[in-house]
Amino acid sequence: MKEGIHPEYREVVFLDQQTGNNYIIRSTVQTRETIELDGKTYPLFKCDVTAESHPFYTGAQTRVVETGRVEKFRARFARTAGTIKK
């Protein structure tokens, strides 16, 4: 490999801002902030969404879809609830 053309590959802490979970992963991401964990200083990258907080992985997305279906059913049923078939 050529010297001086590759970015620095080091351990970086990825912080999920919604859940507060930390992940130490090797990365080339450039950061300005640092954090101290277990007596060692790491570069810090703040993430808005990770697998811990994304609705697809947590199951919250399917609940929204299900509640929409239930509400549609109730709206349809409410129109015919007062009528009696002969």
PDB file of N, CA and C in Angstrom:
ATOM      1  N   MET A   1       0.834  -1.184   0.000  1.00  0.00           N
ATOM      2  CA  MET A   1       0.000   0.000   0.000  1.00  0.00           C
ATOM      3  C   MET A   1       0.877   1.246   0.000  1.00  0.00           C
ATOM      4  N   LYS A   2       0.402   2.267  -0.663  1.00  0.00           N
ATOM      5  CA  LYS A   2       1.133   3.525  -0.691  1.00  0.00           C
ATOM      6  C   LYS A   2       1.002   4.231   0.652  1.00  0.00           C
ATOM      7  N   GLU A   3       2.034   4.894   1.063  1.00  0.00           N
ATOM      8  CA  GLU A   3       2.044   5.633   2.319  1.00  0.00           C
ATOM      9  C   GLU A   3       1.367   6.991   2.150  1.00  0.00           C
ATOM     10  N   GLY A   4       0.595   7.399   3.155  1.00  0.00           N
ATOM     11  CA  GLY A   4       0.038   8.744   3.208  1.00  0.00           C
ATOM     12  C   GLY A   4      -1.218   8.990   2.400  1.00  0.00           C
ATOM     13  N   ILE A   5      -1.794   7.982   1.731  1.00  0.00           N
ATOM     14  CA  ILE A   5      -3.002   8.236   0.937  1.00  0.00           C
ATOM     15  C   ILE A   5      -4.247   7.625   1.571  1.00  0.00           C
ATOM     16  N   HIS A   6      -4.085   6.787   2.584  1.00  0.00           N
ATOM     17  CA  HIS A   6      -5.223   6.124   3.209  1.00  0.00           C
ATOM     18  C   HIS A   6      -5.621   6.834   4.496  1.00  0.00           C
ATOM     19  N   PRO A   7      -6.943   6.897   4.773  1.00  0.00           N
ATOM     20  CA  PRO A   7      -7.371   7.526   6.029  1.00  0.00           C
ATOM     21  C   PRO A   7      -6.996   6.645   7.221  1.00  0.00           C
ATOM     22  N   GLU A   8      -6.935   7.257   8.386  1.00  0.00           N
ATOM     23  CA  GLU A   8      -6.576   6.538   9.604  1.00  0.00           C
ATOM     24  C   GLU A   8      -7.714   5.601  10.004  1.00  0.00           C
ATOM     25  N   TYR A   9      -7.406   4.336  10.206  1.00  0.00           N
ATOM     26  CA  TYR A   9      -8.373   3.307  10.589  1.00  0.00           C
ATOM     27  C   TYR A   9      -8.171   3.022  12.070  1.00  0.00           C
ATOM     28  N   ARG A  10      -9.134   3.422  12.899  1.00  0.00           N
ATOM     29  CA  ARG A  10      -8.962   3.336  14.348  1.00  0.00           C
ATOM     30  C   ARG A  10     -10.283   2.984  15.013  1.00  0.00           C
ATOM     31  N   GLU A  11     -10.229   2.728  16.323  1.00  0.00           N
ATOM     32  CA  GLU A  11     -11.440   2.452  17.080  1.00  0.00           C
ATOM     33  C   GLU A  11     -12.178   3.757  17.352  1.00  0.00           C
ATOM     34  N   VAL A  12     -13.490   3.750  17.095  1.00  0.00           N
ATOM     35  CA  VAL A  12     -14.340   4.924  17.265  1.00  0.00           C
ATOM     36  C   VAL A  12     -15.570   4.501  18.059  1.00  0.00           C
ATOM     37  N   VAL A  13     -16.047   5.364  18.956  1.00  0.00           N
ATOM     38  CA  VAL A  13     -17.276   5.095  19.700  1.00  0.00           C
ATOM     39  C   VAL A  13     -18.439   5.716  18.936  1.00  0.00           C
ATOM     40  N   PHE A  14     -19.425   4.893  18.585  1.00  0.00           N
ATOM     41  CA  PHE A  14     -20.658   5.357  17.964  1.00  0.00           C
ATOM     42  C   PHE A  14     -21.711   5.412  19.058  1.00  0.00           C
ATOM     43  N   LEU A  15     -22.302   6.586  19.287  1.00  0.00           N
ATOM     44  CA  LEU A  15     -23.277   6.806  20.343  1.00  0.00           C
ATOM     45  C   LEU A  15     -24.659   6.974  19.732  1.00  0.00           C
ATOM     46  N   ASP A  16     -25.596   6.090  20.105  1.00  0.00           N
ATOM     47  CA  ASP A  16     -26.989   6.219  19.679  1.00  0.00           C
ATOM     48  C   ASP A  16     -27.640   7.255  20.580  1.00  0.00           C
ATOM     49  N   GLN A  17     -28.037   8.392  20.029  1.00  0.00           N
ATOM     50  CA  GLN A  17     -28.558   9.487  20.844  1.00  0.00           C
ATOM     51  C   GLN A  17     -29.945   9.205  21.391  1.00  0.00           C
ATOM     52  N   GLN A  18     -30.712   8.314  20.767  1.00  0.00           N
ATOM     53  CA  GLN A  18     -32.046   8.024  21.263  1.00  0.00           C
ATOM     54  C   GLN A  18     -32.024   7.064  22.441  1.00  0.00           C
ATOM     55  N   THR A  19     -31.144   6.071  22.412  1.00  0.00           N
ATOM     56  CA  THR A  19     -31.110   5.075  23.480  1.00  0.00           C
ATOM     57  C   THR A  19     -29.941   5.255  24.433  1.00  0.00           C
ATOM     58  N   GLY A  20     -28.895   5.940  24.014  1.00  0.00           N
ATOM     59  CA  GLY A  20     -27.725   6.139  24.855  1.00  0.00           C
ATOM     60  C   GLY A  20     -26.729   4.992  24.805  1.00  0.00           C
ATOM     61  N   ASN A  21     -26.932   4.022  23.912  1.00  0.00           N
ATOM     62  CA  ASN A  21     -26.006   2.885  23.794  1.00  0.00           C
ATOM     63  C   ASN A  21     -24.731   3.298  23.076  1.00  0.00           C
ATOM     64  N   ASN A  22     -23.605   2.725  23.509  1.00  0.00           N
ATOM     65  CA  ASN A  22     -22.302   2.972  22.890  1.00  0.00           C
ATOM     66  C   ASN A  22     -21.844   1.727  22.150  1.00  0.00           C
ATOM     67  N   TYR A  23     -21.230   1.923  20.996  1.00  0.00           N
ATOM     68  CA  TYR A  23     -20.640   0.837  20.229  1.00  0.00           C
ATOM     69  C   TYR A  23     -19.212   1.237  19.872  1.00  0.00           C
ATOM     70  N   ILE A  24     -18.258   0.386  20.185  1.00  0.00           N
ATOM     71  CA  ILE A  24     -16.874   0.647  19.797  1.00  0.00           C
ATOM     72  C   ILE A  24     -16.598  -0.172  18.542  1.00  0.00           C
ATOM     73  N   ILE A  25     -16.347   0.532  17.444  1.00  0.00           N
ATOM     74  CA  ILE A  25     -16.149  -0.100  16.138  1.00  0.00           C
ATOM     75  C   ILE A  25     -14.944   0.556  15.482  1.00  0.00           C
ATOM     76  N   ARG A  26     -14.208  -0.201  14.726  1.00  0.00           N
ATOM     77  CA  ARG A  26     -13.097   0.373  13.966  1.00  0.00           C
ATOM     78  C   ARG A  26     -13.666   1.052  12.730  1.00  0.00           C
ATOM     79  N   SER A  27     -13.210   2.290  12.499  1.00  0.00           N
ATOM     80  CA  SER A  27     -13.758   3.088  11.406  1.00  0.00           C
ATOM     81  C   SER A  27     -12.752   4.145  10.974  1.00  0.00           C
ATOM     82  N   THR A  28     -13.024   4.750   9.812  1.00  0.00           N
ATOM     83  CA  THR A  28     -12.208   5.857   9.315  1.00  0.00           C
ATOM     84  C   THR A  28     -12.937   7.190   9.430  1.00  0.00           C
ATOM     85  N   VAL A  29     -14.089   7.214  10.091  1.00  0.00           N
ATOM     86  CA  VAL A  29     -14.886   8.432  10.200  1.00  0.00           C
ATOM     87  C   VAL A  29     -14.089   9.514  10.940  1.00  0.00           C
ATOM     88  N   GLN A  30     -14.208  10.751  10.439  1.00  0.00           N
ATOM     89  CA  GLN A  30     -13.509  11.887  11.040  1.00  0.00           C
ATOM     90  C   GLN A  30     -14.446  12.558  12.042  1.00  0.00           C
ATOM     91  N   THR A  31     -13.975  12.742  13.280  1.00  0.00           N
ATOM     92  CA  THR A  31     -14.780  13.367  14.314  1.00  0.00           C
ATOM     93  C   THR A  31     -13.976  14.440  15.035  1.00  0.00           C
ATOM     94  N   ARG A  32     -14.690  15.357  15.684  1.00  0.00           N
ATOM     95  CA  ARG A  32     -14.042  16.405  16.471  1.00  0.00           C
ATOM     96  C   ARG A  32     -14.162  16.127  17.965  1.00  0.00           C
ATOM     97  N   GLU A  33     -15.169  15.343  18.352  1.00  0.00           N
ATOM     98  CA  GLU A  33     -15.419  15.075  19.762  1.00  0.00           C
ATOM     99  C   GLU A  33     -14.729  13.792  20.202  1.00  0.00           C
ATOM    100  N   THR A  34     -14.445  13.711  21.506  1.00  0.00           N
ATOM    101  CA  THR A  34     -13.866  12.497  22.078  1.00  0.00           C
ATOM    102  C   THR A  34     -14.661  12.112  23.316  1.00  0.00           C
ATOM    103  N   ILE A  35     -14.520  10.853  23.726  1.00  0.00           N
ATOM    104  CA  ILE A  35     -15.173  10.344  24.923  1.00  0.00           C
ATOM    105  C   ILE A  35     -14.207   9.400  25.618  1.00  0.00           C
ATOM    106  N   GLU A  36     -14.289   9.347  26.933  1.00  0.00           N
ATOM    107  CA  GLU A  36     -13.420   8.447  27.688  1.00  0.00           C
ATOM    108  C   GLU A  36     -14.246   7.271  28.201  1.00  0.00           C
ATOM    109  N   LEU A  37     -13.876   6.071  27.800  1.00  0.00           N
ATOM    110  CA  LEU A  37     -14.515   4.841  28.254  1.00  0.00           C
ATOM    111  C   LEU A  37     -13.442   3.890  28.761  1.00  0.00           C
ATOM    112  N   ASP A  38     -13.676   3.328  29.940  1.00  0.00           N
ATOM    113  CA  ASP A  38     -12.755   2.354  30.537  1.00  0.00           C
ATOM    114  C   ASP A  38     -11.330   2.896  30.629  1.00  0.00           C
ATOM    115  N   GLY A  39     -11.184   4.178  30.885  1.00  0.00           N
ATOM    116  CA  GLY A  39      -9.869   4.783  31.045  1.00  0.00           C
ATOM    117  C   GLY A  39      -9.129   5.062  29.756  1.00  0.00           C
ATOM    118  N   LYS A  40      -9.789   4.904  28.614  1.00  0.00           N
ATOM    119  CA  LYS A  40      -9.167   5.143  27.313  1.00  0.00           C
ATOM    120  C   LYS A  40      -9.987   6.184  26.558  1.00  0.00           C
ATOM    121  N   THR A  41      -9.332   7.080  25.850  1.00  0.00           N
ATOM    122  CA  THR A  41     -10.006   8.132  25.093  1.00  0.00           C
ATOM    123  C   THR A  41     -10.209   7.675  23.652  1.00  0.00           C
ATOM    124  N   TYR A  42     -11.460   7.782  23.186  1.00  0.00           N
ATOM    125  CA  TYR A  42     -11.828   7.392  21.831  1.00  0.00           C
ATOM    126  C   TYR A  42     -12.444   8.586  21.106  1.00  0.00           C
ATOM    127  N   PRO A  43     -12.346   8.634  19.776  1.00  0.00           N
ATOM    128  CA  PRO A  43     -13.133   9.605  19.009  1.00  0.00           C
ATOM    129  C   PRO A  43     -14.612   9.239  19.126  1.00  0.00           C
ATOM    130  N   LEU A  44     -15.504  10.229  19.134  1.00  0.00           N
ATOM    131  CA  LEU A  44     -16.936  10.018  19.321  1.00  0.00           C
ATOM    132  C   LEU A  44     -17.707  10.439  18.088  1.00  0.00           C
ATOM    133  N   PHE A  45     -18.584   9.554  17.604  1.00  0.00           N
ATOM    134  CA  PHE A  45     -19.492   9.859  16.501  1.00  0.00           C
ATOM    135  C   PHE A  45     -20.909   9.647  17.007  1.00  0.00           C
ATOM    136  N   LYS A  46     -21.753  10.688  16.911  1.00  0.00           N
ATOM    137  CA  LYS A  46     -23.133  10.610  17.407  1.00  0.00           C
ATOM    138  C   LYS A  46     -24.067  10.211  16.267  1.00  0.00           C
ATOM    139  N   CYS A  47     -24.812   9.121  16.486  1.00  0.00           N
ATOM    140  CA  CYS A  47     -25.761   8.606  15.488  1.00  0.00           C
ATOM    141  C   CYS A  47     -27.183   8.963  15.906  1.00  0.00           C
ATOM    142  N   ASP A  48     -28.008   9.338  14.953  1.00  0.00           N
ATOM    143  CA  ASP A  48     -29.416   9.593  15.244  1.00  0.00           C
ATOM    144  C   ASP A  48     -30.194   8.289  15.374  1.00  0.00           C
ATOM    145  N   VAL A  49     -29.884   7.323  14.511  1.00  0.00           N
ATOM    146  CA  VAL A  49     -30.631   6.065  14.484  1.00  0.00           C
ATOM    147  C   VAL A  49     -29.660   4.902  14.329  1.00  0.00           C
ATOM    148  N   THR A  50     -29.875   3.858  15.124  1.00  0.00           N
ATOM    149  CA  THR A  50     -29.148   2.596  14.966  1.00  0.00           C
ATOM    150  C   THR A  50     -30.165   1.465  14.994  1.00  0.00           C
ATOM    151  N   ALA A  51     -29.695   0.237  14.951  1.00  0.00           N
ATOM    152  CA  ALA A  51     -30.597  -0.914  14.999  1.00  0.00           C
ATOM    153  C   ALA A  51     -31.347  -0.980  16.333  1.00  0.00           C
ATOM    154  N   GLU A  52     -30.803  -0.380  17.383  1.00  0.00           N
ATOM    155  CA  GLU A  52     -31.464  -0.374  18.690  1.00  0.00           C
ATOM    156  C   GLU A  52     -32.667   0.573  18.726  1.00  0.00           C
ATOM    157  N   SER A  53     -32.678   1.595  17.878  1.00  0.00           N
ATOM    158  CA  SER A  53     -33.738   2.595  17.956  1.00  0.00           C
ATOM    159  C   SER A  53     -34.558   2.750  16.678  1.00  0.00           C
ATOM    160  N   HIS A  54     -34.197   2.075  15.602  1.00  0.00           N
ATOM    161  CA  HIS A  54     -34.938   2.210  14.344  1.00  0.00           C
ATOM    162  C   HIS A  54     -36.262   1.449  14.433  1.00  0.00           C
ATOM    163  N   PRO A  55     -37.372   2.046  14.010  1.00  0.00           N
ATOM    164  CA  PRO A  55     -38.680   1.387  14.118  1.00  0.00           C
ATOM    165  C   PRO A  55     -38.756   0.045  13.400  1.00  0.00           C
ATOM    166  N   PHE A  56     -38.040  -0.137  12.318  1.00  0.00           N
ATOM    167  CA  PHE A  56     -38.082  -1.406  11.601  1.00  0.00           C
ATOM    168  C   PHE A  56     -37.539  -2.538  12.462  1.00  0.00           C
ATOM    169  N   TYR A  57     -36.453  -2.280  13.182  1.00  0.00           N
ATOM    170  CA  TYR A  57     -35.824  -3.313  14.006  1.00  0.00           C
ATOM    171  C   TYR A  57     -36.501  -3.473  15.358  1.00  0.00           C
ATOM    172  N   THR A  58     -37.124  -2.422  15.885  1.00  0.00           N
ATOM    173  CA  THR A  58     -37.767  -2.515  17.190  1.00  0.00           C
ATOM    174  C   THR A  58     -39.187  -3.042  17.109  1.00  0.00           C
ATOM    175  N   GLY A  59     -39.778  -3.057  15.904  1.00  0.00           N
ATOM    176  CA  GLY A  59     -41.139  -3.557  15.744  1.00  0.00           C
ATOM    177  C   GLY A  59     -42.191  -2.472  15.847  1.00  0.00           C
ATOM    178  N   ALA A  60     -41.817  -1.246  16.115  1.00  0.00           N
ATOM    179  CA  ALA A  60     -42.781  -0.158  16.250  1.00  0.00           C
ATOM    180  C   ALA A  60     -43.455   0.145  14.917  1.00  0.00           C
ATOM    181  N   GLN A  61     -42.758  -0.092  13.821  1.00  0.00           N
ATOM    182  CA  GLN A  61     -43.309   0.202  12.504  1.00  0.00           C
ATOM    183  C   GLN A  61     -44.504  -0.698  12.212  1.00  0.00           C
ATOM    184  N   THR A  62     -44.431  -1.981  12.562  1.00  0.00           N
ATOM    185  CA  THR A  62     -45.541  -2.886  12.286  1.00  0.00           C
ATOM    186  C   THR A  62     -46.737  -2.546  13.153  1.00  0.00           C
ATOM    187  N   ARG A  63     -46.523  -2.053  14.360  1.00  0.00           N
ATOM    188  CA  ARG A  63     -47.633  -1.670  15.226  1.00  0.00           C
ATOM    189  C   ARG A  63     -48.405  -0.495  14.629  1.00  0.00           C
ATOM    190  N   VAL A  64     -47.707   0.429  14.008  1.00  0.00           N
ATOM    191  CA  VAL A  64     -48.373   1.568  13.380  1.00  0.00           C
ATOM    192  C   VAL A  64     -49.241   1.088  12.238  1.00  0.00           C
ATOM    193  N   VAL A  65     -48.746   0.160  11.437  1.00  0.00           N
ATOM    194  CA  VAL A  65     -49.507  -0.375  10.314  1.00  0.00           C
ATOM    195  C   VAL A  65     -50.728  -1.119  10.827  1.00  0.00           C
ATOM    196  N   GLU A  66     -50.568  -1.930  11.876  1.00  0.00           N
ATOM    197  CA  GLU A  66     -51.688  -2.685  12.427  1.00  0.00           C
ATOM    198  C   GLU A  66     -52.756  -1.766  12.992  1.00  0.00           C
ATOM    199  N   THR A  67     -52.364  -0.722  13.698  1.00  0.00           N
ATOM    200  CA  THR A  67     -53.360   0.183  14.264  1.00  0.00           C
ATOM    201  C   THR A  67     -54.118   0.901  13.153  1.00  0.00           C
ATOM    202  N   GLY A  68     -53.459   1.195  12.061  1.00  0.00           N
ATOM    203  CA  GLY A  68     -54.153   1.807  10.933  1.00  0.00           C
ATOM    204  C   GLY A  68     -55.204   0.888  10.352  1.00  0.00           C
ATOM    205  N   ARG A  69     -54.905  -0.394  10.266  1.00  0.00           N
ATOM    206  CA  ARG A  69     -55.859  -1.373   9.751  1.00  0.00           C
ATOM    207  C   ARG A  69     -57.052  -1.515  10.695  1.00  0.00           C
ATOM    208  N   VAL A  70     -56.791  -1.549  11.986  1.00  0.00           N
ATOM    209  CA  VAL A  70     -57.868  -1.679  12.964  1.00  0.00           C
ATOM    210  C   VAL A  70     -58.787  -0.468  12.895  1.00  0.00           C
ATOM    211  N   GLU A  71     -58.210   0.712  12.793  1.00  0.00           N
ATOM    212  CA  GLU A  71     -59.033   1.920  12.711  1.00  0.00           C
ATOM    213  C   GLU A  71     -59.883   1.928  11.443  1.00  0.00           C
ATOM    214  N   LYS A  72     -59.342   1.465  10.340  1.00  0.00           N
ATOM    215  CA  LYS A  72     -60.123   1.383   9.101  1.00  0.00           C
ATOM    216  C   LYS A  72     -61.289   0.412   9.265  1.00  0.00           C
ATOM    217  N   PHE A  73     -61.047  -0.725   9.909  1.00  0.00           N
ATOM    218  CA  PHE A  73     -62.103  -1.710  10.133  1.00  0.00           C
ATOM    219  C   PHE A  73     -63.196  -1.115  11.018  1.00  0.00           C
ATOM    220  N   ARG A  74     -62.800  -0.450  12.102  1.00  0.00           N
ATOM    221  CA  ARG A  74     -63.784   0.142  13.008  1.00  0.00           C
ATOM    222  C   ARG A  74     -64.604   1.218  12.309  1.00  0.00           C
ATOM    223  N   ALA A  75     -63.975   1.989  11.438  1.00  0.00           N
ATOM    224  CA  ALA A  75     -64.711   3.035  10.714  1.00  0.00           C
ATOM    225  C   ALA A  75     -65.736   2.411   9.779  1.00  0.00           C
ATOM    226  N   ARG A  76     -65.382   1.320   9.107  1.00  0.00           N
ATOM    227  CA  ARG A  76     -66.326   0.639   8.227  1.00  0.00           C
ATOM    228  C   ARG A  76     -67.457   0.005   9.020  1.00  0.00           C
ATOM    229  N   PHE A  77     -67.117  -0.621  10.139  1.00  0.00           N
ATOM    230  CA  PHE A  77     -68.105  -1.308  10.956  1.00  0.00           C
ATOM    231  C   PHE A  77     -69.050  -0.318  11.620  1.00  0.00           C
ATOM    232  N   ALA A  78     -68.588   0.868  11.963  1.00  0.00           N
ATOM    233  CA  ALA A  78     -69.410   1.870  12.625  1.00  0.00           C
ATOM    234  C   ALA A  78     -70.540   2.342  11.729  1.00  0.00           C
ATOM    235  N   ARG A  79     -70.325   2.332  10.428  1.00  0.00           N
ATOM    236  CA  ARG A  79     -71.379   2.766   9.501  1.00  0.00           C
ATOM    237  C   ARG A  79     -72.545   1.789   9.482  1.00  0.00           C
ATOM    238  N   THR A  80     -72.286   0.500   9.654  1.00  0.00           N
ATOM    239  CA  THR A  80     -73.337  -0.514   9.552  1.00  0.00           C
ATOM    240  C   THR A  80     -73.782  -1.040  10.907  1.00  0.00           C
ATOM    241  N   ALA A  81     -73.235  -0.544  11.988  1.00  0.00           N
ATOM    242  CA  ALA A  81     -73.572  -1.068  13.326  1.00  0.00           C
ATOM    243  C   ALA A  81     -74.998  -0.775  13.723  1.00  0.00           C
ATOM    244  N   GLY A  82     -75.571   0.334  13.282  1.00  0.00           N
ATOM    245  CA  GLY A  82     -76.924   0.692  13.710  1.00  0.00           C
ATOM    246  C   GLY A  82     -78.032   0.100  12.847  1.00  0.00           C
ATOM    247  N   THR A  83     -77.701  -0.489  11.723  1.00  0.00           N
ATOM    248  CA  THR A  83     -78.728  -1.017  10.824  1.00  0.00           C
ATOM    249  C   THR A  83     -79.011  -2.473  11.139  1.00  0.00           C
ATOM    250  N   ILE A  84     -80.251  -2.889  10.931  1.00  0.00           N
ATOM    251  CA  ILE A  84     -80.655  -4.291  11.156  1.00  0.00           C
ATOM    252  C   ILE A  84     -81.074  -4.872   9.820  1.00  0.00           C
ATOM    253  N   LYS A  85     -80.510  -6.013   9.487  1.00  0.00           N
ATOM    254  CA  LYS A  85     -80.862  -6.672   8.210  1.00  0.00           C
ATOM    255  C   LYS A  85     -82.170  -7.400   8.369  1.00  0.00           C
ATOM    256  N   LYS A  86     -83.051  -7.371   7.335  1.00  0.00           N
ATOM    257  CA  LYS A  86     -84.338  -8.062   7.354  1.00  0.00           C
ATOM    258  C   LYS A  86     -84.276  -9.382   6.658  1.00  0.00           C
TER     259      LYS A  86
END
